[in-house]
Amino acid sequence: MADLPFRSVLITGASSGLGRALALACARPGTVLHCSGRDAARLAELGQAARAKGAELRAVVLDVRDAAAMADWINGAGRLDLVIANAGVSAGTGGGAPETPAQMRLLIETNLLGVLNTVHPALAAMRAQAPGPDGVRGRIAVIGSIAGFVAAPGAPTYCATKAAVDAWTVATAAVAARDGVAMTSVCPGYIRTPMTAGNRFPMPGLMDADRAAAIILRGVARGRRRVVFPWWLGLAARLVGALPPRLSTALLGRPEGKAPLP
C-alpha cells in the first residue's frame, strides 16, 4: 500500500491481531510508528518486522485504561498523521453463564473509555497541527465492530461498547471535521486473530487480518466516516437489529456465545 499518505502513525493494541497487521501495513521507509500494547515481547517482535520494512517503531507498554499515561504518550509523540484506537477486549456469556460485574467493567473501561482516552488527546493534538496539503490536520480511526449493530445475548457488554464507540465516533466526526480532523468509525466483521480464535460458533465472512488492515487504511485515507465490511454482513446485522427484540434475540441467542473471561 505504497500510496498511503501517513508518515507518523500511532496505534493502540498493536502487539497482536489487527493492530499488528495495521502497523505492518503502514510500515515503509520514512514512516514512524508509535505502537502500544501490553506484551513487551510481542512489541519487540513487531519492532523487528517493522524495521525490516524500513520503518522506525517506537513501542511502549501501556494500558489504554490509564488516561493520564495515554495523554502523556500521545502528547509526546509529535506530529501525528493517523491515530488508530484499536485496543479492545472480547468476552461474553459462552455456556450460558451471566456476565460478571468485573467482566462488564473491564470491557467498558477498555473498549469504550480506552477509546476516549486515546481519541480526546489525539483530537486536541491534531487541532493544533498545521494542515497538510489536503487541508486535513490529522486522521483518527476507531475500531468498532459489526457486533455494535445487534444486541447479541452471547456478548451483551461487547455489543454495547461497540455500539457506543460507533455512535460517538460518527457524531463527533461532524464536529472534528470543522477543525480539519477526519474521523472514521471502523466496523469490521470477523477477523482471524487471537481474539476470535476461541469462538465456538460460525463466523461468516472470516478474513485474514492483513486483508482487513488494507480495507481499513483505504477507507480512512479516502475520508470515509464509517467503514463497514464485509458489506453484506453489516447489512444483515442492521436488518436483524431492526427486528422486534424477541425475534432478534431468538435469532442471535446462541448458548455457546463469546467465551467469558477466566
Protein backbone atom coordinates (compact mmCIF):
# COMPACT_ATOMS: atom_id res chain seq x y z
CA MET A 1 0.00 0.00 0.00
CA ALA A 2 2.66 2.46 -1.11
CA ASP A 3 0.11 5.18 -1.83
CA LEU A 4 -0.84 5.74 1.81
CA PRO A 5 -0.16 9.34 2.91
CA PHE A 6 0.61 8.51 6.55
CA ARG A 7 4.17 9.15 7.75
CA SER A 8 3.55 9.29 11.51
CA VAL A 9 1.09 6.74 12.87
CA LEU A 10 0.02 5.89 16.43
CA ILE A 11 -1.75 2.59 17.14
CA THR A 12 -3.05 1.12 20.39
CA GLY A 13 -3.29 -2.63 20.90
CA ALA A 14 -0.57 -3.14 18.29
CA SER A 15 1.17 -6.15 19.80
CA SER A 16 -1.03 -8.73 18.06
CA GLY A 17 -4.00 -9.33 15.78
CA LEU A 18 -5.48 -6.48 13.79
CA GLY A 19 -3.31 -3.85 15.49
CA ARG A 20 -0.15 -5.64 14.41
CA ALA A 21 -1.47 -6.01 10.86
CA LEU A 22 -2.29 -2.29 10.72
CA ALA A 23 1.18 -1.35 11.94
CA LEU A 24 2.91 -3.51 9.34
CA ALA A 25 0.60 -2.26 6.59
CA CYS A 26 1.74 1.30 7.43
CA ALA A 27 5.42 0.37 7.74
CA ARG A 28 7.63 1.70 4.95
CA PRO A 29 10.83 3.75 4.69
CA GLY A 30 10.40 7.15 6.33
CA THR A 31 7.40 6.13 8.44
CA VAL A 32 7.45 6.47 12.24
CA LEU A 33 5.16 4.08 14.09
CA HIS A 34 4.15 4.79 17.69
CA CYS A 35 2.75 1.49 18.96
CA SER A 36 1.40 0.48 22.35
CA GLY A 37 0.33 -2.82 23.81
CA ARG A 38 0.53 -4.85 26.98
CA ASP A 39 3.02 -7.50 25.80
CA ALA A 40 6.61 -6.29 25.65
CA ALA A 41 7.90 -9.39 23.85
CA ARG A 42 5.32 -9.11 21.08
CA LEU A 43 6.02 -5.40 20.69
CA ALA A 44 9.73 -6.17 20.33
CA GLU A 45 8.94 -8.72 17.60
CA LEU A 46 6.73 -6.14 15.86
CA GLY A 47 9.61 -3.69 16.01
CA GLN A 48 11.88 -6.12 14.20
CA ALA A 49 9.26 -6.74 11.50
CA ALA A 50 8.60 -3.01 11.03
CA ARG A 51 12.28 -2.13 10.83
CA ALA A 52 12.75 -4.86 8.21
CA LYS A 53 10.31 -2.85 6.06
CA GLY A 54 12.27 0.35 6.62
CA ALA A 55 10.04 1.95 9.27
CA GLU A 56 11.01 3.32 12.66
CA LEU A 57 8.99 1.84 15.53
CA ARG A 58 8.70 3.47 18.94
CA ALA A 59 6.97 0.99 21.22
CA VAL A 60 5.59 1.43 24.73
CA VAL A 61 3.92 -0.99 27.11
CA LEU A 62 0.73 0.81 28.07
CA ASP A 63 -2.84 0.11 29.17
CA VAL A 64 -5.46 2.29 27.43
CA ARG A 65 -7.41 2.43 30.70
CA ASP A 66 -4.71 4.71 32.15
CA ALA A 67 -5.96 8.11 30.94
CA ALA A 68 -3.02 10.16 32.25
CA ALA A 69 -0.41 7.84 30.75
CA MET A 70 -2.23 7.79 27.42
CA ALA A 71 -2.35 11.60 27.29
CA ASP A 72 1.36 11.86 28.11
CA TRP A 73 2.25 9.33 25.41
CA ILE A 74 0.15 10.95 22.70
CA ASN A 75 1.23 14.50 23.58
CA GLY A 76 4.86 13.45 23.42
CA ALA A 77 4.63 11.77 20.02
CA GLY A 78 4.98 14.93 17.93
CA ARG A 79 3.00 15.42 14.74
CA LEU A 80 0.60 12.56 14.01
CA ASP A 81 -0.93 11.90 10.61
CA LEU A 82 -3.04 8.97 11.82
CA VAL A 83 -4.17 7.65 15.19
CA ILE A 84 -5.88 4.25 15.37
CA ALA A 85 -7.77 3.45 18.58
CA ASN A 86 -7.61 -0.31 18.17
CA ALA A 87 -7.12 -1.81 21.64
CA GLY A 88 -10.07 -3.89 22.79
CA VAL A 89 -11.23 -6.88 24.80
CA SER A 90 -13.70 -9.55 23.70
CA ALA A 91 -15.79 -11.65 26.08
CA GLY A 92 -19.36 -12.82 26.51
CA THR A 93 -21.73 -15.34 28.03
CA GLY A 94 -20.47 -18.56 26.46
CA GLY A 95 -22.02 -21.61 28.10
CA GLY A 96 -24.98 -19.61 29.35
CA ALA A 97 -23.23 -18.06 32.36
CA PRO A 98 -24.19 -14.43 33.04
CA GLU A 99 -21.52 -11.77 32.73
CA THR A 100 -19.77 -10.88 35.96
CA PRO A 101 -19.53 -7.26 37.10
CA ALA A 102 -15.74 -7.49 36.73
CA GLN A 103 -16.02 -8.60 33.11
CA MET A 104 -18.51 -5.86 32.29
CA ARG A 105 -16.31 -3.20 33.88
CA LEU A 106 -13.21 -4.43 32.02
CA LEU A 107 -14.96 -4.31 28.65
CA ILE A 108 -16.42 -0.85 29.28
CA GLU A 109 -13.15 0.55 30.62
CA THR A 110 -11.13 -0.88 27.70
CA ASN A 111 -13.45 -0.79 24.69
CA LEU A 112 -15.21 2.48 25.47
CA LEU A 113 -13.23 4.53 27.97
CA GLY A 114 -9.96 3.33 26.44
CA VAL A 115 -11.11 4.75 23.11
CA LEU A 116 -11.93 8.07 24.73
CA ASN A 117 -8.55 8.07 26.50
CA THR A 118 -6.97 7.72 23.06
CA VAL A 119 -9.13 9.99 20.94
CA HIS A 120 -9.53 13.00 23.25
CA PRO A 121 -5.79 13.82 23.49
CA ALA A 122 -5.34 12.92 19.81
CA LEU A 123 -8.07 15.38 18.80
CA ALA A 124 -6.51 18.14 20.89
CA ALA A 125 -3.06 17.48 19.44
CA MET A 126 -4.30 17.36 15.85
CA ARG A 127 -6.33 20.55 16.15
CA ALA A 128 -3.05 22.31 17.00
CA GLN A 129 -1.23 20.87 13.96
CA ALA A 130 -0.81 22.68 10.67
CA PRO A 131 -2.96 21.20 7.90
CA GLY A 132 -1.37 19.00 5.30
CA PRO A 133 -1.53 19.51 1.51
CA ASP A 134 -5.08 18.06 1.52
CA GLY A 135 -6.23 20.51 4.19
CA VAL A 136 -6.51 17.76 6.82
CA ARG A 137 -4.67 18.25 10.12
CA GLY A 138 -4.86 14.56 11.04
CA ARG A 139 -6.98 11.42 10.85
CA ILE A 140 -8.39 9.24 13.62
CA ALA A 141 -9.79 5.74 13.16
CA VAL A 142 -11.77 3.99 15.91
CA ILE A 143 -12.06 0.22 15.64
CA GLY A 144 -15.60 -0.84 16.47
CA SER A 145 -17.41 -3.91 15.17
CA ILE A 146 -20.43 -5.07 13.23
CA ALA A 147 -21.41 -6.52 16.62
CA GLY A 148 -22.36 -2.97 17.55
CA PHE A 149 -25.31 -3.19 15.14
CA VAL A 150 -27.02 -6.00 17.07
CA ALA A 151 -27.90 -6.86 20.67
CA ALA A 152 -26.49 -10.38 20.84
CA PRO A 153 -27.21 -12.28 24.10
CA GLY A 154 -23.90 -14.08 23.65
CA ALA A 155 -21.91 -10.83 24.07
CA PRO A 156 -24.07 -8.13 25.68
CA THR A 157 -21.40 -5.77 27.01
CA TYR A 158 -19.14 -6.26 24.00
CA CYS A 159 -22.00 -5.31 21.66
CA ALA A 160 -22.91 -2.35 23.84
CA THR A 161 -19.37 -0.95 23.89
CA LYS A 162 -19.01 -1.31 20.13
CA ALA A 163 -22.37 0.35 19.53
CA ALA A 164 -21.32 3.23 21.78
CA VAL A 165 -17.97 3.88 20.12
CA ASP A 166 -19.52 3.75 16.64
CA ALA A 167 -22.26 6.24 17.51
CA TRP A 168 -19.84 8.52 19.36
CA THR A 169 -17.26 8.48 16.57
CA VAL A 170 -19.73 9.20 13.78
CA ALA A 171 -21.35 12.01 15.79
CA THR A 172 -18.03 13.55 16.84
CA ALA A 173 -16.67 13.35 13.29
CA ALA A 174 -19.01 16.12 12.16
CA VAL A 175 -17.60 18.48 14.80
CA ALA A 176 -13.97 17.41 14.30
CA ALA A 177 -14.21 17.97 10.54
CA ARG A 178 -14.77 21.68 11.11
CA ASP A 179 -11.35 21.77 12.76
CA GLY A 180 -9.68 19.84 9.97
CA VAL A 181 -9.58 16.44 11.70
CA ALA A 182 -11.09 13.47 9.83
CA MET A 183 -12.59 10.67 11.94
CA THR A 184 -13.62 7.20 10.81
CA SER A 185 -15.64 4.57 12.65
CA VAL A 186 -14.45 1.13 11.52
CA CYS A 187 -16.97 -1.70 11.90
CA PRO A 188 -15.44 -4.98 10.71
CA GLY A 189 -16.89 -8.45 10.81
CA TYR A 190 -14.95 -11.50 11.90
CA ILE A 191 -11.16 -11.22 11.55
CA ARG A 192 -8.79 -14.13 12.05
CA THR A 193 -6.90 -13.03 15.19
CA PRO A 194 -6.17 -14.43 18.67
CA MET A 195 -9.35 -12.63 19.80
CA THR A 196 -11.57 -14.76 17.55
CA ALA A 197 -9.55 -17.98 17.85
CA GLY A 198 -11.59 -19.09 20.84
CA ASN A 199 -15.01 -18.54 19.25
CA ARG A 200 -17.03 -21.73 19.06
CA PHE A 201 -19.72 -20.59 16.68
CA PRO A 202 -19.92 -19.95 12.93
CA MET A 203 -18.08 -16.82 11.76
CA PRO A 204 -19.39 -15.91 8.30
CA GLY A 205 -17.05 -13.76 6.22
CA LEU A 206 -13.99 -14.55 8.38
CA MET A 207 -10.97 -12.85 6.81
CA ASP A 208 -7.26 -12.53 7.46
CA ALA A 209 -6.01 -9.52 9.45
CA ASP A 210 -3.79 -8.33 6.59
CA ARG A 211 -6.76 -8.02 4.25
CA ALA A 212 -8.81 -6.25 6.91
CA ALA A 213 -5.98 -3.78 7.55
CA ALA A 214 -5.81 -2.91 3.85
CA ILE A 215 -9.57 -2.27 3.70
CA ILE A 216 -9.43 -0.08 6.81
CA LEU A 217 -6.50 2.05 5.67
CA ARG A 218 -8.01 2.64 2.23
CA GLY A 219 -11.27 3.80 3.79
CA VAL A 220 -9.50 6.08 6.25
CA ALA A 221 -7.32 7.60 3.52
CA ARG A 222 -10.46 8.36 1.49
CA GLY A 223 -12.01 10.21 4.40
CA ARG A 224 -14.95 7.88 4.96
CA ARG A 225 -16.81 8.45 8.22
CA ARG A 226 -17.79 4.80 8.58
CA VAL A 227 -16.13 1.72 7.08
CA VAL A 228 -18.19 -1.49 7.33
CA PHE A 229 -17.00 -4.81 5.94
CA PRO A 230 -17.98 -7.30 4.68
CA TRP A 231 -20.83 -5.08 3.46
CA TRP A 232 -23.30 -7.95 3.29
CA LEU A 233 -22.65 -8.95 6.91
CA GLY A 234 -23.11 -5.35 8.02
CA LEU A 235 -26.42 -5.20 6.13
CA ALA A 236 -27.58 -8.48 7.66
CA ALA A 237 -26.69 -7.23 11.13
CA ARG A 238 -28.61 -3.99 10.55
CA LEU A 239 -31.68 -5.94 9.39
CA VAL A 240 -31.57 -8.31 12.39
CA GLY A 241 -31.04 -5.36 14.72
CA ALA A 242 -34.19 -3.70 13.32
CA LEU A 243 -36.38 -6.70 14.19
CA PRO A 244 -38.55 -6.78 17.34
CA PRO A 245 -36.33 -7.76 20.31
CA ARG A 246 -37.95 -11.15 20.90
CA LEU A 247 -37.33 -12.17 17.31
CA SER A 248 -33.79 -10.77 17.05
CA THR A 249 -32.87 -12.41 20.36
CA ALA A 250 -34.19 -15.74 19.14
CA LEU A 251 -32.01 -15.46 16.03
CA LEU A 252 -28.88 -14.39 17.92
CA GLY A 253 -29.22 -16.31 21.17
CA ARG A 254 -26.56 -18.99 20.75
CA PRO A 255 -25.78 -20.76 24.03
CA GLU A 256 -22.08 -21.02 23.09
CA GLY A 257 -21.68 -17.24 22.66
CA LYS A 258 -18.35 -15.50 23.19
CA ALA A 259 -16.26 -17.16 25.86
CA PRO A 260 -16.26 -15.35 29.22
CA LEU A 261 -13.00 -14.09 30.66
CA PRO A 262 -11.26 -16.56 33.02
